[in-house]
Amino acid sequence: MIDWDKLRRLRFDIGRNDFEDVVSLFLAEADAAIGRIANSKEPQGVAAELDFLKGAALSLGFVPLADLCERELERIANTGTGVDLIAISNTYTTCRAELWDEMTQVLGP
């Protein structure tokens, strides 16, 4: 589910010491974006948050979440309807749990 090679490259680029702090920051920003999506009534605002969330997801290797955000962005552009917040939230929660459960095992200390 997670692109671990992407996370390895991120850790290499920023260094082991700062990696966990950067991941925590990305996750906090993603949490906030999901909250803003849930509270937004404007399609343009939702689209902007989805685009931000997609970028954060790609940075963390959360491929399923990035793909879902892309599909939701296309749906908003084509139909103007709202997003499937439950699917987004569930996918994010699953990716986040996998990250914390397996990060040390996959990436090492």
PDB file of N, CA and C in Angstrom:
ATOM      1  N   MET A   1       0.815  -1.185   0.000  1.00  0.00           N
ATOM      2  CA  MET A   1       0.000   0.000   0.000  1.00  0.00           C
ATOM      3  C   MET A   1       0.869   1.263   0.000  1.00  0.00           C
ATOM      4  N   ILE A   2       1.932   1.270   0.801  1.00  0.00           N
ATOM      5  CA  ILE A   2       2.834   2.417   0.845  1.00  0.00           C
ATOM      6  C   ILE A   2       4.009   2.171  -0.098  1.00  0.00           C
ATOM      7  N   ASP A   3       4.421   3.217  -0.780  1.00  0.00           N
ATOM      8  CA  ASP A   3       5.608   3.150  -1.628  1.00  0.00           C
ATOM      9  C   ASP A   3       6.821   3.386  -0.725  1.00  0.00           C
ATOM     10  N   TRP A   4       7.383   2.306  -0.220  1.00  0.00           N
ATOM     11  CA  TRP A   4       8.485   2.404   0.733  1.00  0.00           C
ATOM     12  C   TRP A   4       9.739   2.972   0.091  1.00  0.00           C
ATOM     13  N   ASP A   5       9.923   2.750  -1.206  1.00  0.00           N
ATOM     14  CA  ASP A   5      11.077   3.341  -1.884  1.00  0.00           C
ATOM     15  C   ASP A   5      11.004   4.865  -1.837  1.00  0.00           C
ATOM     16  N   LYS A   6       9.812   5.416  -1.963  1.00  0.00           N
ATOM     17  CA  LYS A   6       9.617   6.867  -1.873  1.00  0.00           C
ATOM     18  C   LYS A   6      10.035   7.356  -0.487  1.00  0.00           C
ATOM     19  N   LEU A   7       9.636   6.636   0.537  1.00  0.00           N
ATOM     20  CA  LEU A   7      10.007   7.031   1.896  1.00  0.00           C
ATOM     21  C   LEU A   7      11.503   6.880   2.137  1.00  0.00           C
ATOM     22  N   ARG A   8      12.112   5.857   1.558  1.00  0.00           N
ATOM     23  CA  ARG A   8      13.569   5.699   1.689  1.00  0.00           C
ATOM     24  C   ARG A   8      14.285   6.900   1.074  1.00  0.00           C
ATOM     25  N   ARG A   9      13.809   7.327  -0.108  1.00  0.00           N
ATOM     26  CA  ARG A   9      14.424   8.486  -0.766  1.00  0.00           C
ATOM     27  C   ARG A   9      14.220   9.749   0.064  1.00  0.00           C
ATOM     28  N   LEU A  10      13.022   9.915   0.628  1.00  0.00           N
ATOM     29  CA  LEU A  10      12.745  11.076   1.469  1.00  0.00           C
ATOM     30  C   LEU A  10      13.679  11.084   2.672  1.00  0.00           C
ATOM     31  N   ARG A  11      13.820   9.950   3.313  1.00  0.00           N
ATOM     32  CA  ARG A  11      14.699   9.857   4.486  1.00  0.00           C
ATOM     33  C   ARG A  11      16.147  10.151   4.100  1.00  0.00           C
ATOM     34  N   PHE A  12      16.575   9.653   2.956  1.00  0.00           N
ATOM     35  CA  PHE A  12      17.936   9.924   2.485  1.00  0.00           C
ATOM     36  C   PHE A  12      18.112  11.419   2.215  1.00  0.00           C
ATOM     37  N   ASP A  13      17.109  12.028   1.569  1.00  0.00           N
ATOM     38  CA  ASP A  13      17.202  13.449   1.202  1.00  0.00           C
ATOM     39  C   ASP A  13      17.241  14.372   2.420  1.00  0.00           C
ATOM     40  N   ILE A  14      16.458  14.072   3.441  1.00  0.00           N
ATOM     41  CA  ILE A  14      16.396  14.978   4.596  1.00  0.00           C
ATOM     42  C   ILE A  14      17.249  14.503   5.764  1.00  0.00           C
ATOM     43  N   GLY A  15      17.681  13.272   5.724  1.00  0.00           N
ATOM     44  CA  GLY A  15      18.510  12.723   6.788  1.00  0.00           C
ATOM     45  C   GLY A  15      17.683  11.981   7.821  1.00  0.00           C
ATOM     46  N   ARG A  16      18.308  10.987   8.404  1.00  0.00           N
ATOM     47  CA  ARG A  16      17.619  10.142   9.397  1.00  0.00           C
ATOM     48  C   ARG A  16      17.139  10.949  10.602  1.00  0.00           C
ATOM     49  N   ASN A  17      17.932  11.911  11.044  1.00  0.00           N
ATOM     50  CA  ASN A  17      17.598  12.647  12.252  1.00  0.00           C
ATOM     51  C   ASN A  17      16.316  13.460  12.122  1.00  0.00           C
ATOM     52  N   ASP A  18      16.060  14.009  10.946  1.00  0.00           N
ATOM     53  CA  ASP A  18      14.892  14.862  10.747  1.00  0.00           C
ATOM     54  C   ASP A  18      13.701  14.118  10.144  1.00  0.00           C
ATOM     55  N   PHE A  19      13.918  12.891   9.741  1.00  0.00           N
ATOM     56  CA  PHE A  19      12.881  12.154   9.011  1.00  0.00           C
ATOM     57  C   PHE A  19      11.572  12.027   9.787  1.00  0.00           C
ATOM     58  N   GLU A  20      11.639  11.560  11.020  1.00  0.00           N
ATOM     59  CA  GLU A  20      10.408  11.343  11.780  1.00  0.00           C
ATOM     60  C   GLU A  20       9.672  12.655  12.040  1.00  0.00           C
ATOM     61  N   ASP A  21      10.406  13.733  12.272  1.00  0.00           N
ATOM     62  CA  ASP A  21       9.770  15.039  12.460  1.00  0.00           C
ATOM     63  C   ASP A  21       9.045  15.485  11.191  1.00  0.00           C
ATOM     64  N   VAL A  22       9.687  15.273  10.046  1.00  0.00           N
ATOM     65  CA  VAL A  22       9.069  15.658   8.773  1.00  0.00           C
ATOM     66  C   VAL A  22       7.827  14.814   8.512  1.00  0.00           C
ATOM     67  N   VAL A  23       7.907  13.523   8.766  1.00  0.00           N
ATOM     68  CA  VAL A  23       6.745  12.647   8.584  1.00  0.00           C
ATOM     69  C   VAL A  23       5.608  13.094   9.503  1.00  0.00           C
ATOM     70  N   SER A  24       5.931  13.404  10.753  1.00  0.00           N
ATOM     71  CA  SER A  24       4.903  13.873  11.693  1.00  0.00           C
ATOM     72  C   SER A  24       4.257  15.161  11.211  1.00  0.00           C
ATOM     73  N   LEU A  25       5.053  16.065  10.664  1.00  0.00           N
ATOM     74  CA  LEU A  25       4.515  17.321  10.128  1.00  0.00           C
ATOM     75  C   LEU A  25       3.589  17.056   8.945  1.00  0.00           C
ATOM     76  N   PHE A  26       4.010  16.190   8.028  1.00  0.00           N
ATOM     77  CA  PHE A  26       3.159  15.842   6.889  1.00  0.00           C
ATOM     78  C   PHE A  26       1.831  15.254   7.372  1.00  0.00           C
ATOM     79  N   LEU A  27       1.899  14.373   8.345  1.00  0.00           N
ATOM     80  CA  LEU A  27       0.682  13.749   8.854  1.00  0.00           C
ATOM     81  C   LEU A  27      -0.228  14.769   9.533  1.00  0.00           C
ATOM     82  N   ALA A  28       0.334  15.687  10.282  1.00  0.00           N
ATOM     83  CA  ALA A  28      -0.474  16.731  10.920  1.00  0.00           C
ATOM     84  C   ALA A  28      -1.147  17.604   9.866  1.00  0.00           C
ATOM     85  N   GLU A  29      -0.420  17.924   8.816  1.00  0.00           N
ATOM     86  CA  GLU A  29      -1.000  18.728   7.743  1.00  0.00           C
ATOM     87  C   GLU A  29      -2.087  17.951   6.994  1.00  0.00           C
ATOM     88  N   ALA A  30      -1.871  16.657   6.807  1.00  0.00           N
ATOM     89  CA  ALA A  30      -2.887  15.828   6.161  1.00  0.00           C
ATOM     90  C   ALA A  30      -4.137  15.728   7.029  1.00  0.00           C
ATOM     91  N   ASP A  31      -3.957  15.562   8.347  1.00  0.00           N
ATOM     92  CA  ASP A  31      -5.098  15.548   9.273  1.00  0.00           C
ATOM     93  C   ASP A  31      -5.909  16.835   9.130  1.00  0.00           C
ATOM     94  N   ALA A  32      -5.216  17.959   9.107  1.00  0.00           N
ATOM     95  CA  ALA A  32      -5.891  19.252   8.995  1.00  0.00           C
ATOM     96  C   ALA A  32      -6.614  19.385   7.659  1.00  0.00           C
ATOM     97  N   ALA A  33      -5.994  18.913   6.589  1.00  0.00           N
ATOM     98  CA  ALA A  33      -6.632  18.992   5.270  1.00  0.00           C
ATOM     99  C   ALA A  33      -7.914  18.171   5.230  1.00  0.00           C
ATOM    100  N   ILE A  34      -7.896  17.000   5.821  1.00  0.00           N
ATOM    101  CA  ILE A  34      -9.106  16.169   5.850  1.00  0.00           C
ATOM    102  C   ILE A  34     -10.189  16.871   6.653  1.00  0.00           C
ATOM    103  N   GLY A  35      -9.821  17.511   7.741  1.00  0.00           N
ATOM    104  CA  GLY A  35     -10.790  18.281   8.514  1.00  0.00           C
ATOM    105  C   GLY A  35     -11.380  19.429   7.710  1.00  0.00           C
ATOM    106  N   ARG A  36     -10.539  20.112   6.951  1.00  0.00           N
ATOM    107  CA  ARG A  36     -11.042  21.220   6.121  1.00  0.00           C
ATOM    108  C   ARG A  36     -11.933  20.703   5.008  1.00  0.00           C
ATOM    109  N   ILE A  37     -11.615  19.551   4.444  1.00  0.00           N
ATOM    110  CA  ILE A  37     -12.480  18.964   3.413  1.00  0.00           C
ATOM    111  C   ILE A  37     -13.847  18.655   4.007  1.00  0.00           C
ATOM    112  N   ALA A  38     -13.850  18.092   5.193  1.00  0.00           N
ATOM    113  CA  ALA A  38     -15.113  17.730   5.855  1.00  0.00           C
ATOM    114  C   ALA A  38     -15.977  18.946   6.136  1.00  0.00           C
ATOM    115  N   ASN A  39     -15.354  20.085   6.388  1.00  0.00           N
ATOM    116  CA  ASN A  39     -16.103  21.285   6.759  1.00  0.00           C
ATOM    117  C   ASN A  39     -16.371  22.244   5.614  1.00  0.00           C
ATOM    118  N   SER A  40     -15.786  21.997   4.452  1.00  0.00           N
ATOM    119  CA  SER A  40     -15.942  22.916   3.330  1.00  0.00           C
ATOM    120  C   SER A  40     -17.200  22.609   2.536  1.00  0.00           C
ATOM    121  N   LYS A  41     -17.861  23.655   2.119  1.00  0.00           N
ATOM    122  CA  LYS A  41     -19.053  23.514   1.284  1.00  0.00           C
ATOM    123  C   LYS A  41     -18.803  23.964  -0.154  1.00  0.00           C
ATOM    124  N   GLU A  42     -17.664  24.590  -0.385  1.00  0.00           N
ATOM    125  CA  GLU A  42     -17.334  25.121  -1.709  1.00  0.00           C
ATOM    126  C   GLU A  42     -16.507  24.116  -2.511  1.00  0.00           C
ATOM    127  N   PRO A  43     -16.964  23.761  -3.707  1.00  0.00           N
ATOM    128  CA  PRO A  43     -16.200  22.807  -4.522  1.00  0.00           C
ATOM    129  C   PRO A  43     -14.754  23.240  -4.784  1.00  0.00           C
ATOM    130  N   GLN A  44     -14.529  24.549  -4.977  1.00  0.00           N
ATOM    131  CA  GLN A  44     -13.164  25.010  -5.229  1.00  0.00           C
ATOM    132  C   GLN A  44     -12.283  24.807  -3.995  1.00  0.00           C
ATOM    133  N   GLY A  45     -12.829  25.062  -2.819  1.00  0.00           N
ATOM    134  CA  GLY A  45     -12.075  24.846  -1.594  1.00  0.00           C
ATOM    135  C   GLY A  45     -11.758  23.379  -1.375  1.00  0.00           C
ATOM    136  N   VAL A  46     -12.747  22.544  -1.630  1.00  0.00           N
ATOM    137  CA  VAL A  46     -12.539  21.097  -1.507  1.00  0.00           C
ATOM    138  C   VAL A  46     -11.481  20.643  -2.506  1.00  0.00           C
ATOM    139  N   ALA A  47     -11.550  21.146  -3.728  1.00  0.00           N
ATOM    140  CA  ALA A  47     -10.575  20.760  -4.749  1.00  0.00           C
ATOM    141  C   ALA A  47      -9.167  21.177  -4.340  1.00  0.00           C
ATOM    142  N   ALA A  48      -9.020  22.364  -3.778  1.00  0.00           N
ATOM    143  CA  ALA A  48      -7.703  22.827  -3.340  1.00  0.00           C
ATOM    144  C   ALA A  48      -7.167  21.936  -2.219  1.00  0.00           C
ATOM    145  N   GLU A  49      -8.017  21.568  -1.284  1.00  0.00           N
ATOM    146  CA  GLU A  49      -7.593  20.695  -0.187  1.00  0.00           C
ATOM    147  C   GLU A  49      -7.252  19.295  -0.690  1.00  0.00           C
ATOM    148  N   LEU A  50      -8.034  18.792  -1.634  1.00  0.00           N
ATOM    149  CA  LEU A  50      -7.732  17.477  -2.220  1.00  0.00           C
ATOM    150  C   LEU A  50      -6.393  17.498  -2.934  1.00  0.00           C
ATOM    151  N   ASP A  51      -6.119  18.591  -3.636  1.00  0.00           N
ATOM    152  CA  ASP A  51      -4.850  18.710  -4.332  1.00  0.00           C
ATOM    153  C   ASP A  51      -3.698  18.748  -3.333  1.00  0.00           C
ATOM    154  N   PHE A  52      -3.860  19.486  -2.250  1.00  0.00           N
ATOM    155  CA  PHE A  52      -2.853  19.523  -1.201  1.00  0.00           C
ATOM    156  C   PHE A  52      -2.659  18.140  -0.586  1.00  0.00           C
ATOM    157  N   LEU A  53      -3.764  17.475  -0.264  1.00  0.00           N
ATOM    158  CA  LEU A  53      -3.699  16.150   0.344  1.00  0.00           C
ATOM    159  C   LEU A  53      -3.037  15.151  -0.597  1.00  0.00           C
ATOM    160  N   LYS A  54      -3.323  15.265  -1.878  1.00  0.00           N
ATOM    161  CA  LYS A  54      -2.687  14.388  -2.865  1.00  0.00           C
ATOM    162  C   LYS A  54      -1.177  14.584  -2.848  1.00  0.00           C
ATOM    163  N   GLY A  55      -0.721  15.832  -2.786  1.00  0.00           N
ATOM    164  CA  GLY A  55       0.709  16.113  -2.738  1.00  0.00           C
ATOM    165  C   GLY A  55       1.360  15.557  -1.485  1.00  0.00           C
ATOM    166  N   ALA A  56       0.697  15.731  -0.345  1.00  0.00           N
ATOM    167  CA  ALA A  56       1.223  15.181   0.907  1.00  0.00           C
ATOM    168  C   ALA A  56       1.274  13.660   0.836  1.00  0.00           C
ATOM    169  N   ALA A  57       0.227  13.065   0.278  1.00  0.00           N
ATOM    170  CA  ALA A  57       0.170  11.606   0.148  1.00  0.00           C
ATOM    171  C   ALA A  57       1.309  11.094  -0.736  1.00  0.00           C
ATOM    172  N   LEU A  58       1.566  11.784  -1.829  1.00  0.00           N
ATOM    173  CA  LEU A  58       2.661  11.366  -2.707  1.00  0.00           C
ATOM    174  C   LEU A  58       4.005  11.504  -2.009  1.00  0.00           C
ATOM    175  N   SER A  59       4.174  12.551  -1.219  1.00  0.00           N
ATOM    176  CA  SER A  59       5.429  12.743  -0.486  1.00  0.00           C
ATOM    177  C   SER A  59       5.683  11.613   0.495  1.00  0.00           C
ATOM    178  N   LEU A  60       4.610  11.088   1.094  1.00  0.00           N
ATOM    179  CA  LEU A  60       4.733  10.017   2.078  1.00  0.00           C
ATOM    180  C   LEU A  60       4.640   8.626   1.467  1.00  0.00           C
ATOM    181  N   GLY A  61       4.438   8.554   0.155  1.00  0.00           N
ATOM    182  CA  GLY A  61       4.310   7.254  -0.489  1.00  0.00           C
ATOM    183  C   GLY A  61       2.945   6.616  -0.303  1.00  0.00           C
ATOM    184  N   PHE A  62       1.951   7.404   0.094  1.00  0.00           N
ATOM    185  CA  PHE A  62       0.584   6.894   0.282  1.00  0.00           C
ATOM    186  C   PHE A  62      -0.120   6.843  -1.071  1.00  0.00           C
ATOM    187  N   VAL A  63       0.276   5.916  -1.902  1.00  0.00           N
ATOM    188  CA  VAL A  63      -0.206   5.823  -3.279  1.00  0.00           C
ATOM    189  C   VAL A  63      -1.731   5.668  -3.365  1.00  0.00           C
ATOM    190  N   PRO A  64      -2.353   4.789  -2.568  1.00  0.00           N
ATOM    191  CA  PRO A  64      -3.816   4.653  -2.675  1.00  0.00           C
ATOM    192  C   PRO A  64      -4.551   5.962  -2.347  1.00  0.00           C
ATOM    193  N   LEU A  65      -4.052   6.705  -1.382  1.00  0.00           N
ATOM    194  CA  LEU A  65      -4.688   7.975  -1.030  1.00  0.00           C
ATOM    195  C   LEU A  65      -4.504   8.999  -2.138  1.00  0.00           C
ATOM    196  N   ALA A  66      -3.315   9.079  -2.695  1.00  0.00           N
ATOM    197  CA  ALA A  66      -3.070  10.005  -3.802  1.00  0.00           C
ATOM    198  C   ALA A  66      -3.964   9.673  -4.991  1.00  0.00           C
ATOM    199  N   ASP A  67      -4.090   8.387  -5.302  1.00  0.00           N
ATOM    200  CA  ASP A  67      -4.955   7.964  -6.412  1.00  0.00           C
ATOM    201  C   ASP A  67      -6.408   8.322  -6.141  1.00  0.00           C
ATOM    202  N   LEU A  68      -6.866   8.103  -4.922  1.00  0.00           N
ATOM    203  CA  LEU A  68      -8.245   8.430  -4.561  1.00  0.00           C
ATOM    204  C   LEU A  68      -8.480   9.937  -4.660  1.00  0.00           C
ATOM    205  N   CYS A  69      -7.548  10.734  -4.177  1.00  0.00           N
ATOM    206  CA  CYS A  69      -7.683  12.191  -4.281  1.00  0.00           C
ATOM    207  C   CYS A  69      -7.770  12.614  -5.741  1.00  0.00           C
ATOM    208  N   GLU A  70      -6.966  12.005  -6.586  1.00  0.00           N
ATOM    209  CA  GLU A  70      -6.999  12.330  -8.019  1.00  0.00           C
ATOM    210  C   GLU A  70      -8.366  12.004  -8.624  1.00  0.00           C
ATOM    211  N   ARG A  71      -8.897  10.824  -8.295  1.00  0.00           N
ATOM    212  CA  ARG A  71     -10.222  10.451  -8.805  1.00  0.00           C
ATOM    213  C   ARG A  71     -11.301  11.411  -8.305  1.00  0.00           C
ATOM    214  N   GLU A  72     -11.208  11.803  -7.030  1.00  0.00           N
ATOM    215  CA  GLU A  72     -12.187  12.739  -6.469  1.00  0.00           C
ATOM    216  C   GLU A  72     -12.063  14.117  -7.119  1.00  0.00           C
ATOM    217  N   LEU A  73     -10.841  14.551  -7.409  1.00  0.00           N
ATOM    218  CA  LEU A  73     -10.645  15.821  -8.113  1.00  0.00           C
ATOM    219  C   LEU A  73     -11.275  15.775  -9.497  1.00  0.00           C
ATOM    220  N   GLU A  74     -11.095  14.660 -10.191  1.00  0.00           N
ATOM    221  CA  GLU A  74     -11.707  14.510 -11.518  1.00  0.00           C
ATOM    222  C   GLU A  74     -13.222  14.534 -11.418  1.00  0.00           C
ATOM    223  N   ARG A  75     -13.763  13.893 -10.390  1.00  0.00           N
ATOM    224  CA  ARG A  75     -15.210  13.870 -10.217  1.00  0.00           C
ATOM    225  C   ARG A  75     -15.746  15.270  -9.951  1.00  0.00           C
ATOM    226  N   ILE A  76     -15.068  16.029  -9.102  1.00  0.00           N
ATOM    227  CA  ILE A  76     -15.497  17.397  -8.828  1.00  0.00           C
ATOM    228  C   ILE A  76     -15.459  18.221 -10.109  1.00  0.00           C
ATOM    229  N   ALA A  77     -14.378  18.075 -10.876  1.00  0.00           N
ATOM    230  CA  ALA A  77     -14.241  18.834 -12.118  1.00  0.00           C
ATOM    231  C   ALA A  77     -15.331  18.465 -13.124  1.00  0.00           C
ATOM    232  N   ASN A  78     -15.683  17.198 -13.173  1.00  0.00           N
ATOM    233  CA  ASN A  78     -16.655  16.739 -14.171  1.00  0.00           C
ATOM    234  C   ASN A  78     -18.106  16.900 -13.752  1.00  0.00           C
ATOM    235  N   THR A  79     -18.376  16.758 -12.457  1.00  0.00           N
ATOM    236  CA  THR A  79     -19.775  16.764 -12.026  1.00  0.00           C
ATOM    237  C   THR A  79     -20.110  17.862 -11.028  1.00  0.00           C
ATOM    238  N   GLY A  80     -19.094  18.425 -10.385  1.00  0.00           N
ATOM    239  CA  GLY A  80     -19.338  19.446  -9.378  1.00  0.00           C
ATOM    240  C   GLY A  80     -19.898  18.901  -8.073  1.00  0.00           C
ATOM    241  N   THR A  81     -19.910  17.576  -7.938  1.00  0.00           N
ATOM    242  CA  THR A  81     -20.453  16.971  -6.720  1.00  0.00           C
ATOM    243  C   THR A  81     -19.382  16.876  -5.646  1.00  0.00           C
ATOM    244  N   GLY A  82     -19.820  16.603  -4.427  1.00  0.00           N
ATOM    245  CA  GLY A  82     -18.920  16.494  -3.288  1.00  0.00           C
ATOM    246  C   GLY A  82     -18.061  15.245  -3.344  1.00  0.00           C
ATOM    247  N   VAL A  83     -17.202  15.121  -2.353  1.00  0.00           N
ATOM    248  CA  VAL A  83     -16.258  14.015  -2.311  1.00  0.00           C
ATOM    249  C   VAL A  83     -16.754  12.907  -1.400  1.00  0.00           C
ATOM    250  N   ASP A  84     -16.160  11.754  -1.564  1.00  0.00           N
ATOM    251  CA  ASP A  84     -16.450  10.616  -0.700  1.00  0.00           C
ATOM    252  C   ASP A  84     -15.509  10.701   0.493  1.00  0.00           C
ATOM    253  N   LEU A  85     -15.899  11.496   1.474  1.00  0.00           N
ATOM    254  CA  LEU A  85     -15.052  11.749   2.635  1.00  0.00           C
ATOM    255  C   LEU A  85     -14.770  10.477   3.426  1.00  0.00           C
ATOM    256  N   ILE A  86     -15.723   9.574   3.481  1.00  0.00           N
ATOM    257  CA  ILE A  86     -15.510   8.318   4.206  1.00  0.00           C
ATOM    258  C   ILE A  86     -14.383   7.518   3.561  1.00  0.00           C
ATOM    259  N   ALA A  87     -14.397   7.419   2.237  1.00  0.00           N
ATOM    260  CA  ALA A  87     -13.336   6.682   1.542  1.00  0.00           C
ATOM    261  C   ALA A  87     -11.984   7.356   1.741  1.00  0.00           C
ATOM    262  N   ILE A  88     -11.957   8.670   1.667  1.00  0.00           N
ATOM    263  CA  ILE A  88     -10.701   9.397   1.854  1.00  0.00           C
ATOM    264  C   ILE A  88     -10.182   9.185   3.273  1.00  0.00           C
ATOM    265  N   SER A  89     -11.047   9.353   4.241  1.00  0.00           N
ATOM    266  CA  SER A  89     -10.659   9.201   5.642  1.00  0.00           C
ATOM    267  C   SER A  89     -10.185   7.778   5.943  1.00  0.00           C
ATOM    268  N   ASN A  90     -10.919   6.791   5.456  1.00  0.00           N
ATOM    269  CA  ASN A  90     -10.543   5.397   5.692  1.00  0.00           C
ATOM    270  C   ASN A  90      -9.219   5.047   5.031  1.00  0.00           C
ATOM    271  N   THR A  91      -9.016   5.516   3.811  1.00  0.00           N
ATOM    272  CA  THR A  91      -7.770   5.232   3.103  1.00  0.00           C
ATOM    273  C   THR A  91      -6.597   5.893   3.807  1.00  0.00           C
ATOM    274  N   TYR A  92      -6.777   7.130   4.235  1.00  0.00           N
ATOM    275  CA  TYR A  92      -5.733   7.831   4.968  1.00  0.00           C
ATOM    276  C   TYR A  92      -5.411   7.115   6.280  1.00  0.00           C
ATOM    277  N   THR A  93      -6.433   6.728   7.008  1.00  0.00           N
ATOM    278  CA  THR A  93      -6.232   6.036   8.286  1.00  0.00           C
ATOM    279  C   THR A  93      -5.471   4.735   8.089  1.00  0.00           C
ATOM    280  N   THR A  94      -5.811   4.001   7.049  1.00  0.00           N
ATOM    281  CA  THR A  94      -5.128   2.741   6.748  1.00  0.00           C
ATOM    282  C   THR A  94      -3.662   2.981   6.399  1.00  0.00           C
ATOM    283  N   CYS A  95      -3.401   3.968   5.545  1.00  0.00           N
ATOM    284  CA  CYS A  95      -2.020   4.277   5.166  1.00  0.00           C
ATOM    285  C   CYS A  95      -1.217   4.747   6.367  1.00  0.00           C
ATOM    286  N   ARG A  96      -1.812   5.598   7.167  1.00  0.00           N
ATOM    287  CA  ARG A  96      -1.130   6.131   8.347  1.00  0.00           C
ATOM    288  C   ARG A  96      -0.782   4.999   9.324  1.00  0.00           C
ATOM    289  N   ALA A  97      -1.712   4.111   9.554  1.00  0.00           N
ATOM    290  CA  ALA A  97      -1.465   2.982  10.464  1.00  0.00           C
ATOM    291  C   ALA A  97      -0.356   2.087   9.920  1.00  0.00           C
ATOM    292  N   GLU A  98      -0.387   1.809   8.625  1.00  0.00           N
ATOM    293  CA  GLU A  98       0.661   0.987   8.017  1.00  0.00           C
ATOM    294  C   GLU A  98       2.019   1.663   8.171  1.00  0.00           C
ATOM    295  N   LEU A  99       2.059   2.963   7.980  1.00  0.00           N
ATOM    296  CA  LEU A  99       3.315   3.693   8.117  1.00  0.00           C
ATOM    297  C   LEU A  99       3.897   3.514   9.510  1.00  0.00           C
ATOM    298  N   TRP A 100       3.115   3.800  10.549  1.00  0.00           N
ATOM    299  CA  TRP A 100       3.634   3.715  11.911  1.00  0.00           C
ATOM    300  C   TRP A 100       3.895   2.268  12.333  1.00  0.00           C
ATOM    301  N   ASP A 101       3.073   1.334  11.855  1.00  0.00           N
ATOM    302  CA  ASP A 101       3.257  -0.067  12.233  1.00  0.00           C
ATOM    303  C   ASP A 101       4.513  -0.686  11.603  1.00  0.00           C
ATOM    304  N   GLU A 102       4.854  -0.256  10.394  1.00  0.00           N
ATOM    305  CA  GLU A 102       5.897  -0.955   9.649  1.00  0.00           C
ATOM    306  C   GLU A 102       7.139  -0.111   9.352  1.00  0.00           C
ATOM    307  N   MET A 103       7.122   1.168   9.708  1.00  0.00           N
ATOM    308  CA  MET A 103       8.216   2.057   9.313  1.00  0.00           C
ATOM    309  C   MET A 103       9.577   1.560   9.806  1.00  0.00           C
ATOM    310  N   THR A 104       9.698   1.260  11.068  1.00  0.00           N
ATOM    311  CA  THR A 104      10.993   0.827  11.599  1.00  0.00           C
ATOM    312  C   THR A 104      11.397  -0.516  11.004  1.00  0.00           C
ATOM    313  N   GLN A 105      10.422  -1.404  10.831  1.00  0.00           N
ATOM    314  CA  GLN A 105      10.718  -2.716  10.276  1.00  0.00           C
ATOM    315  C   GLN A 105      11.189  -2.604   8.828  1.00  0.00           C
ATOM    316  N   VAL A 106      10.537  -1.785   8.032  1.00  0.00           N
ATOM    317  CA  VAL A 106      10.881  -1.684   6.606  1.00  0.00           C
ATOM    318  C   VAL A 106      12.091  -0.785   6.385  1.00  0.00           C
ATOM    319  N   LEU A 107      12.111   0.357   7.066  1.00  0.00           N
ATOM    320  CA  LEU A 107      13.176   1.333   6.820  1.00  0.00           C
ATOM    321  C   LEU A 107      14.372   1.165   7.743  1.00  0.00           C
ATOM    322  N   GLY A 108      14.194   0.448   8.832  1.00  0.00           N
ATOM    323  CA  GLY A 108      15.268   0.290   9.809  1.00  0.00           C
ATOM    324  C   GLY A 108      15.255   1.457  10.783  1.00  0.00           C
ATOM    325  N   PRO A 109      16.090   1.342  11.803  1.00  0.00           N
ATOM    326  CA  PRO A 109      16.130   2.398  12.837  1.00  0.00           C
ATOM    327  C   PRO A 109      16.714   3.697  12.332  1.00  0.00           C
TER     328      PRO A 109
END
